[in-house]
Amino acid sequence: MIVTSALRHAAAGSAAMLLVLSAPVADAAAPPLARTAAPALGPGSATEPTPPARRFVDPARLDRTGTQVQPLAGAPAVPTPSALSWVVADAGTGEVLAARDAHRKLPPASTLKTLFALTALPHHEASEQHTVADEELTGIGEGSSLVGVKEGYTYRVSDLWNGVFLSSGNDAVHVLASMSGGWESMARQMQRKARSLGARDTHVVSPDGYDAPGQVSSAYDLAVFGRAGVQDPEFTRYCSTAYADFPAGSWSYGIANTNRLLTGADGVGRYPGLIGIKNGYTSNAGNTLVAAARRGERTLVVSVMNPQSGGGLAVYEEARSLLDWGFEAAGKVRPVGSLLPPKSPDSPEDGRTEGRAVSVRGGAGAPAAALGSPAGRSAAAEAEGPGPSVALPLSLVGSACAAALALWAWRRRAPRV
């Protein structure tokens, strides 16, 4: 009876010890989950901050005809420009606040130079000098706007870009395109750039925006190009320059930006906080404009294509009304679309999110997919560091049982009293 009691107490004690010592094993699984959900780290850390969540918008809404707007309580009435197509959007978030026939394909005229600049600006430093060859000025369309580039003259790249943005000089575009792979190559580069930005209405034939069969864009795509441009300091510097000197050999002459909202020329009032961006005109396209303005912490971008009334300066006044409305409507409308490219399953955002979990749980540089495989889980467990082992409680149970048996044998040998 004494032996049986000893065995029973030893087994009970061993079971209790096993229960107590195994509890930390379950607790050890909790910290990784908590660490994965930890707030994103700040700049300079091993992981990138969590990108802001997008508000859901129905992209199909911008495919509809007519004016698209979703006002909330207290929203101002949306303007009614005469333009065939227009868009007003928040340049920071990319949210489209209102639009009319946003994806209608129309000739863009010189507003296409926004896409040319986005594509060609990275090719050369602003301080680089270039002597113009005669063949670089061939093929310029009749009646094109020119800044006055001459063969045999040497220009800085920054001078040529001033010619593009201020004077809408097709001669400057031809030279920069020649320096960046040639005319046809530049058209292909621009097409690829447009697609990478999510602009799918644009078809590039002539990089300077000169009317060409099949060349089209849309108010949506032009707003995409404008938003991308104002995020580039170099692009912004050029498009917001009102006046500059253009070299002509041993002397220079002044050129003025043809965007009247920027300069206040021809009786058009300057728009407060205007950044630029680019205006255009051809007989086929009519007047077109992409403009951006900043007020406080908010920047808006608008695009206006081919006003049907009000004369040649109506494009500026219609853009003004859209900008005024956009600033007043802040927080009072739901977005009707987005200028951001469609989010794909293998987008960088998703990769950053997975990488953030891996860098915390599995160590910096561990592949995101590794956590889904047994090898990945083993690697993650190793990175977690050693935890309590099940072998320790089992060994204690064995020791307790051995002690009980030894006690039983000793009592068998002991003389009975």
Foldseek 3Di string as FASTA:
>chain_A
DVLVVLLVVLLVVLVVVLVVLCVVVVVLVPVLVVLLPDAADDPPDLADHADDDDDDADACLLQDAAKDAFFFPPADDADDFQFQWKWKAFLPFQFTHMIHNQLDWFQAFQLLLLLLCVQQVVVDDQADKDAAAPVLQPPDDPPFFAPDDDHRDMDGLVLLLLRCQARLHPSSSSRSQVVVPHFVVSQVSSVVVLVVQQFDSAHGDGSSSPDDPPGIGGFLSSQSSVSVQVVDVVLLVSFLDAKDWHDDPPRTDMTGHPQCLRVVPPVRDNDPQKRGHHWRADPRFQIKDWTWGDDPPTIMIMIGTHRPDDPNCSNVVVVVSNVVSVVSCVVGIDGNHGSGHDDDPPDVSVQSSLQSSCCRQQNHPDHSCLCVDPNSVVSSVVVSPDDRDSVVSVVSSVVSSVVSVVVVVVVVPDDDD
